[in-house]
mmCIF file of all heavy atoms, coordinates in Angstrom:
data_MODEL
# 
_entry.id   MODEL 
# 
loop_
_atom_site.group_PDB 
_atom_site.id 
_atom_site.type_symbol 
_atom_site.label_atom_id 
_atom_site.label_alt_id 
_atom_site.label_comp_id 
_atom_site.label_asym_id 
_atom_site.label_entity_id 
_atom_site.label_seq_id 
_atom_site.pdbx_PDB_ins_code 
_atom_site.Cartn_x 
_atom_site.Cartn_y 
_atom_site.Cartn_z 
_atom_site.occupancy 
_atom_site.B_iso_or_equiv 
_atom_site.pdbx_formal_charge 
_atom_site.auth_seq_id 
_atom_site.auth_comp_id 
_atom_site.auth_asym_id 
_atom_site.auth_atom_id 
_atom_site.pdbx_PDB_model_num 
ATOM 1   N N   . ARG A 1 1  ? 197.568 71.243 88.647 1.00 0.00 ? 1  ARG A N   1 
ATOM 2   C CA  . ARG A 1 1  ? 196.452 70.677 87.879 1.00 0.00 ? 1  ARG A CA  1 
ATOM 3   C C   . ARG A 1 1  ? 195.682 71.768 87.135 1.00 0.00 ? 1  ARG A C   1 
ATOM 4   O O   . ARG A 1 1  ? 195.249 71.572 85.996 1.00 0.00 ? 1  ARG A O   1 
ATOM 5   C CB  . ARG A 1 1  ? 195.515 69.924 88.814 1.00 0.00 ? 1  ARG A CB  1 
ATOM 6   C CG  . ARG A 1 1  ? 196.082 68.611 89.324 1.00 0.00 ? 1  ARG A CG  1 
ATOM 7   C CD  . ARG A 1 1  ? 194.983 67.811 89.997 1.00 0.00 ? 1  ARG A CD  1 
ATOM 8   N NE  . ARG A 1 1  ? 195.491 66.547 90.521 1.00 0.00 ? 1  ARG A NE  1 
ATOM 9   C CZ  . ARG A 1 1  ? 194.683 65.600 91.017 1.00 0.00 ? 1  ARG A CZ  1 
ATOM 10  N NH1 . ARG A 1 1  ? 193.369 65.800 91.075 1.00 0.00 ? 1  ARG A NH1 1 
ATOM 11  N NH2 . ARG A 1 1  ? 195.199 64.474 91.469 1.00 0.00 ? 1  ARG A NH2 1 
ATOM 12  N N   . TYR A 1 2  ? 195.516 72.891 87.769 1.00 0.00 ? 2  TYR A N   1 
ATOM 13  C CA  . TYR A 1 2  ? 194.776 73.984 87.118 1.00 0.00 ? 2  TYR A CA  1 
ATOM 14  C C   . TYR A 1 2  ? 195.535 74.517 85.895 1.00 0.00 ? 2  TYR A C   1 
ATOM 15  O O   . TYR A 1 2  ? 194.956 74.786 84.852 1.00 0.00 ? 2  TYR A O   1 
ATOM 16  C CB  . TYR A 1 2  ? 194.536 75.118 88.125 1.00 0.00 ? 2  TYR A CB  1 
ATOM 17  C CG  . TYR A 1 2  ? 193.875 76.342 87.512 1.00 0.00 ? 2  TYR A CG  1 
ATOM 18  C CD1 . TYR A 1 2  ? 192.510 76.361 87.259 1.00 0.00 ? 2  TYR A CD1 1 
ATOM 19  C CD2 . TYR A 1 2  ? 194.631 77.457 87.172 1.00 0.00 ? 2  TYR A CD2 1 
ATOM 20  C CE1 . TYR A 1 2  ? 191.906 77.469 86.697 1.00 0.00 ? 2  TYR A CE1 1 
ATOM 21  C CE2 . TYR A 1 2  ? 194.043 78.571 86.600 1.00 0.00 ? 2  TYR A CE2 1 
ATOM 22  C CZ  . TYR A 1 2  ? 192.672 78.579 86.358 1.00 0.00 ? 2  TYR A CZ  1 
ATOM 23  O OH  . TYR A 1 2  ? 192.074 79.677 85.783 1.00 0.00 ? 2  TYR A OH  1 
ATOM 24  N N   . VAL A 1 3  ? 196.876 74.630 86.054 1.00 0.00 ? 3  VAL A N   1 
ATOM 25  C CA  . VAL A 1 3  ? 197.685 75.164 84.957 1.00 0.00 ? 3  VAL A CA  1 
ATOM 26  C C   . VAL A 1 3  ? 197.692 74.216 83.772 1.00 0.00 ? 3  VAL A C   1 
ATOM 27  O O   . VAL A 1 3  ? 197.624 74.623 82.610 1.00 0.00 ? 3  VAL A O   1 
ATOM 28  C CB  . VAL A 1 3  ? 199.119 75.460 85.442 1.00 0.00 ? 3  VAL A CB  1 
ATOM 29  C CG1 . VAL A 1 3  ? 200.016 75.847 84.260 1.00 0.00 ? 3  VAL A CG1 1 
ATOM 30  C CG2 . VAL A 1 3  ? 199.109 76.568 86.483 1.00 0.00 ? 3  VAL A CG2 1 
ATOM 31  N N   . THR A 1 4  ? 197.778 72.914 84.035 1.00 0.00 ? 4  THR A N   1 
ATOM 32  C CA  . THR A 1 4  ? 197.868 71.926 82.951 1.00 0.00 ? 4  THR A CA  1 
ATOM 33  C C   . THR A 1 4  ? 196.516 71.449 82.468 1.00 0.00 ? 4  THR A C   1 
ATOM 34  O O   . THR A 1 4  ? 196.433 70.675 81.516 1.00 0.00 ? 4  THR A O   1 
ATOM 35  C CB  . THR A 1 4  ? 198.682 70.712 83.438 1.00 0.00 ? 4  THR A CB  1 
ATOM 36  O OG1 . THR A 1 4  ? 198.039 70.147 84.606 1.00 0.00 ? 4  THR A OG1 1 
ATOM 37  C CG2 . THR A 1 4  ? 200.108 71.117 83.762 1.00 0.00 ? 4  THR A CG2 1 
ATOM 38  N N   . ALA A 1 5  ? 195.425 71.919 83.085 1.00 0.00 ? 5  ALA A N   1 
ATOM 39  C CA  . ALA A 1 5  ? 194.083 71.477 82.677 1.00 0.00 ? 5  ALA A CA  1 
ATOM 40  C C   . ALA A 1 5  ? 193.760 72.023 81.300 1.00 0.00 ? 5  ALA A C   1 
ATOM 41  O O   . ALA A 1 5  ? 194.172 73.123 80.942 1.00 0.00 ? 5  ALA A O   1 
ATOM 42  C CB  . ALA A 1 5  ? 193.048 71.950 83.695 1.00 0.00 ? 5  ALA A CB  1 
ATOM 43  N N   . PRO A 1 6  ? 193.021 71.269 80.447 1.00 0.00 ? 6  PRO A N   1 
ATOM 44  C CA  . PRO A 1 6  ? 192.653 71.752 79.110 1.00 0.00 ? 6  PRO A CA  1 
ATOM 45  C C   . PRO A 1 6  ? 191.753 72.986 79.218 1.00 0.00 ? 6  PRO A C   1 
ATOM 46  O O   . PRO A 1 6  ? 190.923 73.102 80.131 1.00 0.00 ? 6  PRO A O   1 
ATOM 47  C CB  . PRO A 1 6  ? 191.909 70.569 78.484 1.00 0.00 ? 6  PRO A CB  1 
ATOM 48  C CG  . PRO A 1 6  ? 191.423 69.763 79.651 1.00 0.00 ? 6  PRO A CG  1 
ATOM 49  C CD  . PRO A 1 6  ? 192.466 69.924 80.725 1.00 0.00 ? 6  PRO A CD  1 
ATOM 50  N N   . ALA A 1 7  ? 191.935 73.925 78.278 1.00 0.00 ? 7  ALA A N   1 
ATOM 51  C CA  . ALA A 1 7  ? 191.142 75.170 78.282 1.00 0.00 ? 7  ALA A CA  1 
ATOM 52  C C   . ALA A 1 7  ? 189.711 74.866 77.873 1.00 0.00 ? 7  ALA A C   1 
ATOM 53  O O   . ALA A 1 7  ? 189.456 74.330 76.787 1.00 0.00 ? 7  ALA A O   1 
ATOM 54  C CB  . ALA A 1 7  ? 191.760 76.187 77.325 1.00 0.00 ? 7  ALA A CB  1 
ATOM 55  N N   . THR A 1 8  ? 188.777 75.163 78.700 1.00 0.00 ? 8  THR A N   1 
ATOM 56  C CA  . THR A 1 8  ? 187.349 74.974 78.405 1.00 0.00 ? 8  THR A CA  1 
ATOM 57  C C   . THR A 1 8  ? 186.592 76.226 78.804 1.00 0.00 ? 8  THR A C   1 
ATOM 58  O O   . THR A 1 8  ? 187.004 76.979 79.676 1.00 0.00 ? 8  THR A O   1 
ATOM 59  C CB  . THR A 1 8  ? 186.781 73.774 79.186 1.00 0.00 ? 8  THR A CB  1 
ATOM 60  O OG1 . THR A 1 8  ? 187.007 73.977 80.589 1.00 0.00 ? 8  THR A OG1 1 
ATOM 61  C CG2 . THR A 1 8  ? 187.455 72.475 78.738 1.00 0.00 ? 8  THR A CG2 1 
ATOM 62  N N   . VAL A 1 9  ? 185.466 76.426 78.140 1.00 0.00 ? 9  VAL A N   1 
ATOM 63  C CA  . VAL A 1 9  ? 184.610 77.564 78.457 1.00 0.00 ? 9  VAL A CA  1 
ATOM 64  C C   . VAL A 1 9  ? 183.748 77.192 79.648 1.00 0.00 ? 9  VAL A C   1 
ATOM 65  O O   . VAL A 1 9  ? 182.831 76.371 79.554 1.00 0.00 ? 9  VAL A O   1 
ATOM 66  C CB  . VAL A 1 9  ? 183.720 77.942 77.248 1.00 0.00 ? 9  VAL A CB  1 
ATOM 67  C CG1 . VAL A 1 9  ? 182.828 79.115 77.596 1.00 0.00 ? 9  VAL A CG1 1 
ATOM 68  C CG2 . VAL A 1 9  ? 184.596 78.263 76.040 1.00 0.00 ? 9  VAL A CG2 1 
ATOM 69  N N   . ILE A 1 10 ? 184.125 77.734 80.794 1.00 0.00 ? 10 ILE A N   1 
ATOM 70  C CA  . ILE A 1 10 ? 183.422 77.367 82.024 1.00 0.00 ? 10 ILE A CA  1 
ATOM 71  C C   . ILE A 1 10 ? 182.067 78.055 82.106 1.00 0.00 ? 10 ILE A C   1 
ATOM 72  O O   . ILE A 1 10 ? 181.061 77.470 82.470 1.00 0.00 ? 10 ILE A O   1 
ATOM 73  C CB  . ILE A 1 10 ? 184.293 77.713 83.253 1.00 0.00 ? 10 ILE A CB  1 
ATOM 74  C CG1 . ILE A 1 10 ? 185.588 76.912 83.190 1.00 0.00 ? 10 ILE A CG1 1 
ATOM 75  C CG2 . ILE A 1 10 ? 183.543 77.435 84.546 1.00 0.00 ? 10 ILE A CG2 1 
ATOM 76  C CD1 . ILE A 1 10 ? 186.552 77.235 84.311 1.00 0.00 ? 10 ILE A CD1 1 
ATOM 77  N N   . GLY A 1 11 ? 181.988 79.346 81.729 1.00 0.00 ? 11 GLY A N   1 
ATOM 78  C CA  . GLY A 1 11 ? 180.737 80.067 81.802 1.00 0.00 ? 11 GLY A CA  1 
ATOM 79  C C   . GLY A 1 11 ? 180.498 80.657 83.175 1.00 0.00 ? 11 GLY A C   1 
ATOM 80  O O   . GLY A 1 11 ? 181.405 80.723 84.025 1.00 0.00 ? 11 GLY A O   1 
ATOM 81  N N   . ASP A 1 12 ? 179.291 81.081 83.389 1.00 0.00 ? 12 ASP A N   1 
ATOM 82  C CA  . ASP A 1 12 ? 178.913 81.699 84.652 1.00 0.00 ? 12 ASP A CA  1 
ATOM 83  C C   . ASP A 1 12 ? 178.905 80.648 85.759 1.00 0.00 ? 12 ASP A C   1 
ATOM 84  O O   . ASP A 1 12 ? 178.291 79.583 85.613 1.00 0.00 ? 12 ASP A O   1 
ATOM 85  C CB  . ASP A 1 12 ? 177.520 82.328 84.499 1.00 0.00 ? 12 ASP A CB  1 
ATOM 86  C CG  . ASP A 1 12 ? 177.161 83.195 85.685 1.00 0.00 ? 12 ASP A CG  1 
ATOM 87  O OD1 . ASP A 1 12 ? 177.854 83.115 86.712 1.00 0.00 ? 12 ASP A OD1 1 
ATOM 88  O OD2 . ASP A 1 12 ? 176.194 83.960 85.580 1.00 0.00 ? 12 ASP A OD2 1 
ATOM 89  N N   . VAL A 1 13 ? 179.588 80.962 86.867 1.00 0.00 ? 13 VAL A N   1 
ATOM 90  C CA  . VAL A 1 13 ? 179.623 80.033 87.999 1.00 0.00 ? 13 VAL A CA  1 
ATOM 91  C C   . VAL A 1 13 ? 178.220 79.792 88.536 1.00 0.00 ? 13 VAL A C   1 
ATOM 92  O O   . VAL A 1 13 ? 177.870 78.683 88.945 1.00 0.00 ? 13 VAL A O   1 
ATOM 93  C CB  . VAL A 1 13 ? 180.552 80.583 89.104 1.00 0.00 ? 13 VAL A CB  1 
ATOM 94  C CG1 . VAL A 1 13 ? 180.521 79.669 90.320 1.00 0.00 ? 13 VAL A CG1 1 
ATOM 95  C CG2 . VAL A 1 13 ? 181.967 80.728 88.576 1.00 0.00 ? 13 VAL A CG2 1 
ATOM 96  N N   . GLY A 1 14 ? 177.410 80.860 88.506 1.00 0.00 ? 14 GLY A N   1 
ATOM 97  C CA  . GLY A 1 14 ? 176.032 80.705 88.968 1.00 0.00 ? 14 GLY A CA  1 
ATOM 98  C C   . GLY A 1 14 ? 175.260 79.690 88.154 1.00 0.00 ? 14 GLY A C   1 
ATOM 99  O O   . GLY A 1 14 ? 174.449 78.929 88.683 1.00 0.00 ? 14 GLY A O   1 
ATOM 100 N N   . ASP A 1 15 ? 175.534 79.665 86.825 1.00 0.00 ? 15 ASP A N   1 
ATOM 101 C CA  . ASP A 1 15 ? 174.850 78.695 85.973 1.00 0.00 ? 15 ASP A CA  1 
ATOM 102 C C   . ASP A 1 15 ? 175.261 77.268 86.317 1.00 0.00 ? 15 ASP A C   1 
ATOM 103 O O   . ASP A 1 15 ? 174.436 76.348 86.290 1.00 0.00 ? 15 ASP A O   1 
ATOM 104 C CB  . ASP A 1 15 ? 175.170 78.960 84.501 1.00 0.00 ? 15 ASP A CB  1 
ATOM 105 C CG  . ASP A 1 15 ? 174.607 80.293 84.043 1.00 0.00 ? 15 ASP A CG  1 
ATOM 106 O OD1 . ASP A 1 15 ? 173.790 80.863 84.782 1.00 0.00 ? 15 ASP A OD1 1 
ATOM 107 O OD2 . ASP A 1 15 ? 174.979 80.753 82.941 1.00 0.00 ? 15 ASP A OD2 1 
ATOM 108 N N   . LEU A 1 16 ? 176.562 77.104 86.626 1.00 0.00 ? 16 LEU A N   1 
ATOM 109 C CA  . LEU A 1 16 ? 177.043 75.765 86.950 1.00 0.00 ? 16 LEU A CA  1 
ATOM 110 C C   . LEU A 1 16 ? 176.535 75.298 88.305 1.00 0.00 ? 16 LEU A C   1 
ATOM 111 O O   . LEU A 1 16 ? 176.276 74.115 88.503 1.00 0.00 ? 16 LEU A O   1 
ATOM 112 C CB  . LEU A 1 16 ? 178.577 75.755 86.934 1.00 0.00 ? 16 LEU A CB  1 
ATOM 113 C CG  . LEU A 1 16 ? 179.226 76.130 85.590 1.00 0.00 ? 16 LEU A CG  1 
ATOM 114 C CD1 . LEU A 1 16 ? 180.738 76.150 85.740 1.00 0.00 ? 16 LEU A CD1 1 
ATOM 115 C CD2 . LEU A 1 16 ? 178.821 75.144 84.511 1.00 0.00 ? 16 LEU A CD2 1 
ATOM 116 N N   . LEU A 1 17 ? 176.445 76.214 89.242 1.00 0.00 ? 17 LEU A N   1 
ATOM 117 C CA  . LEU A 1 17 ? 176.016 75.841 90.582 1.00 0.00 ? 17 LEU A CA  1 
ATOM 118 C C   . LEU A 1 17 ? 174.512 75.687 90.700 1.00 0.00 ? 17 LEU A C   1 
ATOM 119 O O   . LEU A 1 17 ? 174.014 74.929 91.512 1.00 0.00 ? 17 LEU A O   1 
ATOM 120 C CB  . LEU A 1 17 ? 176.495 76.883 91.591 1.00 0.00 ? 17 LEU A CB  1 
ATOM 121 C CG  . LEU A 1 17 ? 178.017 77.025 91.734 1.00 0.00 ? 17 LEU A CG  1 
ATOM 122 C CD1 . LEU A 1 17 ? 178.342 78.124 92.729 1.00 0.00 ? 17 LEU A CD1 1 
ATOM 123 C CD2 . LEU A 1 17 ? 178.640 75.707 92.175 1.00 0.00 ? 17 LEU A CD2 1 
ATOM 124 N N   . CYS A 1 18 ? 173.777 76.412 89.874 1.00 0.00 ? 18 CYS A N   1 
ATOM 125 C CA  . CYS A 1 18 ? 172.325 76.403 90.042 1.00 0.00 ? 18 CYS A CA  1 
ATOM 126 C C   . CYS A 1 18 ? 171.651 76.562 88.676 1.00 0.00 ? 18 CYS A C   1 
ATOM 127 O O   . CYS A 1 18 ? 171.745 77.621 88.056 1.00 0.00 ? 18 CYS A O   1 
ATOM 128 C CB  . CYS A 1 18 ? 171.894 77.518 90.988 1.00 0.00 ? 18 CYS A CB  1 
ATOM 129 S SG  . CYS A 1 18 ? 170.112 77.573 91.279 1.00 0.00 ? 18 CYS A SG  1 
ATOM 130 N N   . GLU A 1 19 ? 171.037 75.519 88.201 1.00 0.00 ? 19 GLU A N   1 
ATOM 131 C CA  . GLU A 1 19 ? 170.354 75.575 86.901 1.00 0.00 ? 19 GLU A CA  1 
ATOM 132 C C   . GLU A 1 19 ? 169.179 76.539 86.948 1.00 0.00 ? 19 GLU A C   1 
ATOM 133 O O   . GLU A 1 19 ? 168.843 77.190 85.966 1.00 0.00 ? 19 GLU A O   1 
ATOM 134 C CB  . GLU A 1 19 ? 169.881 74.172 86.517 1.00 0.00 ? 19 GLU A CB  1 
ATOM 135 C CG  . GLU A 1 19 ? 169.251 74.106 85.134 1.00 0.00 ? 19 GLU A CG  1 
ATOM 136 C CD  . GLU A 1 19 ? 168.868 72.691 84.771 1.00 0.00 ? 19 GLU A CD  1 
ATOM 137 O OE1 . GLU A 1 19 ? 169.233 71.759 85.525 1.00 0.00 ? 19 GLU A OE1 1 
ATOM 138 O OE2 . GLU A 1 19 ? 168.210 72.514 83.735 1.00 0.00 ? 19 GLU A OE2 1 
ATOM 139 N N   . GLU A 1 20 ? 168.553 76.656 88.106 1.00 0.00 ? 20 GLU A N   1 
ATOM 140 C CA  . GLU A 1 20 ? 167.429 77.572 88.246 1.00 0.00 ? 20 GLU A CA  1 
ATOM 141 C C   . GLU A 1 20 ? 167.871 79.018 88.038 1.00 0.00 ? 20 GLU A C   1 
ATOM 142 O O   . GLU A 1 20 ? 167.144 79.830 87.458 1.00 0.00 ? 20 GLU A O   1 
ATOM 143 C CB  . GLU A 1 20 ? 166.800 77.418 89.633 1.00 0.00 ? 20 GLU A CB  1 
ATOM 144 C CG  . GLU A 1 20 ? 165.565 78.301 89.854 1.00 0.00 ? 20 GLU A CG  1 
ATOM 145 C CD  . GLU A 1 20 ? 164.967 78.094 91.237 1.00 0.00 ? 20 GLU A CD  1 
ATOM 146 O OE1 . GLU A 1 20 ? 165.437 77.182 91.948 1.00 0.00 ? 20 GLU A OE1 1 
ATOM 147 O OE2 . GLU A 1 20 ? 164.042 78.849 91.596 1.00 0.00 ? 20 GLU A OE2 1 
ATOM 148 N N   . HIS A 1 21 ? 169.087 79.322 88.506 1.00 0.00 ? 21 HIS A N   1 
ATOM 149 C CA  . HIS A 1 21 ? 169.625 80.668 88.302 1.00 0.00 ? 21 HIS A CA  1 
ATOM 150 C C   . HIS A 1 21 ? 169.771 80.973 86.816 1.00 0.00 ? 21 HIS A C   1 
ATOM 151 O O   . HIS A 1 21 ? 169.461 82.075 86.365 1.00 0.00 ? 21 HIS A O   1 
ATOM 152 C CB  . HIS A 1 21 ? 170.983 80.782 89.000 1.00 0.00 ? 21 HIS A CB  1 
ATOM 153 C CG  . HIS A 1 21 ? 171.726 82.040 88.696 1.00 0.00 ? 21 HIS A CG  1 
ATOM 154 N ND1 . HIS A 1 21 ? 171.394 83.253 89.253 1.00 0.00 ? 21 HIS A ND1 1 
ATOM 155 C CD2 . HIS A 1 21 ? 172.786 82.286 87.873 1.00 0.00 ? 21 HIS A CD2 1 
ATOM 156 C CE1 . HIS A 1 21 ? 172.215 84.182 88.801 1.00 0.00 ? 21 HIS A CE1 1 
ATOM 157 N NE2 . HIS A 1 21 ? 173.071 83.620 87.957 1.00 0.00 ? 21 HIS A NE2 1 
ATOM 158 N N   . ALA A 1 22 ? 170.228 79.988 86.033 1.00 0.00 ? 22 ALA A N   1 
ATOM 159 C CA  . ALA A 1 22 ? 170.382 80.182 84.590 1.00 0.00 ? 22 ALA A CA  1 
ATOM 160 C C   . ALA A 1 22 ? 169.032 80.409 83.920 1.00 0.00 ? 22 ALA A C   1 
ATOM 161 O O   . ALA A 1 22 ? 168.893 81.259 83.034 1.00 0.00 ? 22 ALA A O   1 
ATOM 162 C CB  . ALA A 1 22 ? 171.087 78.972 83.983 1.00 0.00 ? 22 ALA A CB  1 
ATOM 163 N N   . LEU A 1 23 ? 168.018 79.664 84.332 1.00 0.00 ? 23 LEU A N   1 
ATOM 164 C CA  . LEU A 1 23 ? 166.686 79.825 83.748 1.00 0.00 ? 23 LEU A CA  1 
ATOM 165 C C   . LEU A 1 23 ? 166.105 81.196 84.089 1.00 0.00 ? 23 LEU A C   1 
ATOM 166 O O   . LEU A 1 23 ? 165.484 81.847 83.244 1.00 0.00 ? 23 LEU A O   1 
ATOM 167 C CB  . LEU A 1 23 ? 165.759 78.717 84.254 1.00 0.00 ? 23 LEU A CB  1 
ATOM 168 C CG  . LEU A 1 23 ? 166.099 77.295 83.808 1.00 0.00 ? 23 LEU A CG  1 
ATOM 169 C CD1 . LEU A 1 23 ? 165.189 76.279 84.490 1.00 0.00 ? 23 LEU A CD1 1 
ATOM 170 C CD2 . LEU A 1 23 ? 165.993 77.169 82.293 1.00 0.00 ? 23 LEU A CD2 1 
ATOM 171 N N   . GLU A 1 24 ? 166.317 81.617 85.334 1.00 0.00 ? 24 GLU A N   1 
ATOM 172 C CA  . GLU A 1 24 ? 165.806 82.928 85.741 1.00 0.00 ? 24 GLU A CA  1 
ATOM 173 C C   . GLU A 1 24 ? 166.508 84.050 84.984 1.00 0.00 ? 24 GLU A C   1 
ATOM 174 O O   . GLU A 1 24 ? 165.877 85.028 84.571 1.00 0.00 ? 24 GLU A O   1 
ATOM 175 C CB  . GLU A 1 24 ? 165.999 83.106 87.243 1.00 0.00 ? 24 GLU A CB  1 
ATOM 176 C CG  . GLU A 1 24 ? 165.442 84.426 87.773 1.00 0.00 ? 24 GLU A CG  1 
ATOM 177 C CD  . GLU A 1 24 ? 165.642 84.577 89.266 1.00 0.00 ? 24 GLU A CD  1 
ATOM 178 O OE1 . GLU A 1 24 ? 166.232 83.652 89.881 1.00 0.00 ? 24 GLU A OE1 1 
ATOM 179 O OE2 . GLU A 1 24 ? 165.235 85.613 89.827 1.00 0.00 ? 24 GLU A OE2 1 
ATOM 180 N N   . LYS A 1 25 ? 167.818 83.908 84.787 1.00 0.00 ? 25 LYS A N   1 
ATOM 181 C CA  . LYS A 1 25 ? 168.559 84.915 84.043 1.00 0.00 ? 25 LYS A CA  1 
ATOM 182 C C   . LYS A 1 25 ? 168.078 84.998 82.594 1.00 0.00 ? 25 LYS A C   1 
ATOM 183 O O   . LYS A 1 25 ? 167.934 86.095 82.040 1.00 0.00 ? 25 LYS A O   1 
ATOM 184 C CB  . LYS A 1 25 ? 170.050 84.594 84.091 1.00 0.00 ? 25 LYS A CB  1 
ATOM 185 C CG  . LYS A 1 25 ? 170.928 85.677 83.499 1.00 0.00 ? 25 LYS A CG  1 
ATOM 186 C CD  . LYS A 1 25 ? 172.389 85.431 83.776 1.00 0.00 ? 25 LYS A CD  1 
ATOM 187 C CE  . LYS A 1 25 ? 172.906 84.236 83.028 1.00 0.00 ? 25 LYS A CE  1 
ATOM 188 N NZ  . LYS A 1 25 ? 174.376 84.086 83.159 1.00 0.00 ? 25 LYS A NZ  1 
ATOM 189 N N   . SER A 1 26 ? 167.822 83.846 81.985 1.00 0.00 ? 26 SER A N   1 
ATOM 190 C CA  . SER A 1 26 ? 167.320 83.827 80.606 1.00 0.00 ? 26 SER A CA  1 
ATOM 191 C C   . SER A 1 26 ? 165.946 84.478 80.509 1.00 0.00 ? 26 SER A C   1 
ATOM 192 O O   . SER A 1 26 ? 165.665 85.244 79.573 1.00 0.00 ? 26 SER A O   1 
ATOM 193 C CB  . SER A 1 26 ? 167.265 82.378 80.114 1.00 0.00 ? 26 SER A CB  1 
ATOM 194 O OG  . SER A 1 26 ? 166.693 82.321 78.834 1.00 0.00 ? 26 SER A OG  1 
ATOM 195 N N   . LYS A 1 27 ? 165.088 84.203 81.486 1.00 0.00 ? 27 LYS A N   1 
ATOM 196 C CA  . LYS A 1 27 ? 163.750 84.804 81.512 1.00 0.00 ? 27 LYS A CA  1 
ATOM 197 C C   . LYS A 1 27 ? 163.836 86.313 81.692 1.00 0.00 ? 27 LYS A C   1 
ATOM 198 O O   . LYS A 1 27 ? 163.155 87.076 80.985 1.00 0.00 ? 27 LYS A O   1 
ATOM 199 C CB  . LYS A 1 27 ? 162.941 84.179 82.648 1.00 0.00 ? 27 LYS A CB  1 
ATOM 200 C CG  . LYS A 1 27 ? 161.607 84.855 82.921 1.00 0.00 ? 27 LYS A CG  1 
ATOM 201 C CD  . LYS A 1 27 ? 160.949 84.252 84.157 1.00 0.00 ? 27 LYS A CD  1 
ATOM 202 C CE  . LYS A 1 27 ? 159.718 85.041 84.564 1.00 0.00 ? 27 LYS A CE  1 
ATOM 203 N NZ  . LYS A 1 27 ? 159.104 84.492 85.799 1.00 0.00 ? 27 LYS A NZ  1 
ATOM 204 N N   . ASN A 1 28 ? 164.675 86.765 82.607 1.00 0.00 ? 28 ASN A N   1 
ATOM 205 C CA  . ASN A 1 28 ? 164.819 88.207 82.844 1.00 0.00 ? 28 ASN A CA  1 
ATOM 206 C C   . ASN A 1 28 ? 165.360 88.911 81.612 1.00 0.00 ? 28 ASN A C   1 
ATOM 207 O O   . ASN A 1 28 ? 164.922 90.015 81.275 1.00 0.00 ? 28 ASN A O   1 
ATOM 208 C CB  . ASN A 1 28 ? 165.742 88.454 84.037 1.00 0.00 ? 28 ASN A CB  1 
ATOM 209 C CG  . ASN A 1 28 ? 165.140 87.966 85.345 1.00 0.00 ? 28 ASN A CG  1 
ATOM 210 O OD1 . ASN A 1 28 ? 163.948 87.650 85.400 1.00 0.00 ? 28 ASN A OD1 1 
ATOM 211 N ND2 . ASN A 1 28 ? 165.952 87.881 86.378 1.00 0.00 ? 28 ASN A ND2 1 
ATOM 212 N N   . ARG A 1 29 ? 166.324 88.280 80.942 1.00 0.00 ? 29 ARG A N   1 
ATOM 213 C CA  . ARG A 1 29 ? 166.894 88.897 79.737 1.00 0.00 ? 29 ARG A CA  1 
ATOM 214 C C   . ARG A 1 29 ? 165.829 89.010 78.647 1.00 0.00 ? 29 ARG A C   1 
ATOM 215 O O   . ARG A 1 29 ? 165.758 90.018 77.935 1.00 0.00 ? 29 ARG A O   1 
ATOM 216 C CB  . ARG A 1 29 ? 168.077 88.071 79.233 1.00 0.00 ? 29 ARG A CB  1 
ATOM 217 C CG  . ARG A 1 29 ? 168.735 88.670 78.009 1.00 0.00 ? 29 ARG A CG  1 
ATOM 218 C CD  . ARG A 1 29 ? 169.871 87.806 77.486 1.00 0.00 ? 29 ARG A CD  1 
ATOM 219 N NE  . ARG A 1 29 ? 171.005 87.831 78.403 1.00 0.00 ? 29 ARG A NE  1 
ATOM 220 C CZ  . ARG A 1 29 ? 171.418 86.798 79.096 1.00 0.00 ? 29 ARG A CZ  1 
ATOM 221 N NH1 . ARG A 1 29 ? 170.775 85.637 79.008 1.00 0.00 ? 29 ARG A NH1 1 
ATOM 222 N NH2 . ARG A 1 29 ? 172.462 86.897 79.911 1.00 0.00 ? 29 ARG A NH2 1 
ATOM 223 N N   . LYS A 1 30 ? 165.002 88.002 78.495 1.00 0.00 ? 30 LYS A N   1 
ATOM 224 C CA  . LYS A 1 30 ? 163.952 88.010 77.472 1.00 0.00 ? 30 LYS A CA  1 
ATOM 225 C C   . LYS A 1 30 ? 162.947 89.133 77.728 1.00 0.00 ? 30 LYS A C   1 
ATOM 226 O O   . LYS A 1 30 ? 162.552 89.857 76.800 1.00 0.00 ? 30 LYS A O   1 
ATOM 227 C CB  . LYS A 1 30 ? 163.240 86.654 77.453 1.00 0.00 ? 30 LYS A CB  1 
ATOM 228 C CG  . LYS A 1 30 ? 162.170 86.534 76.379 1.00 0.00 ? 30 LYS A CG  1 
ATOM 229 C CD  . LYS A 1 30 ? 161.549 85.138 76.417 1.00 0.00 ? 30 LYS A CD  1 
ATOM 230 C CE  . LYS A 1 30 ? 160.459 85.012 75.344 1.00 0.00 ? 30 LYS A CE  1 
ATOM 231 N NZ  . LYS A 1 30 ? 159.833 83.654 75.379 1.00 0.00 ? 30 LYS A NZ  1 
# 
């Protein structure tokens, strides 16, 4: 299934698992 799955941009696993992590990363980068 993984091999035949369509190619998509998954991104940071932390962002997918925790939206708060993505917001904190954006704030720190700014």
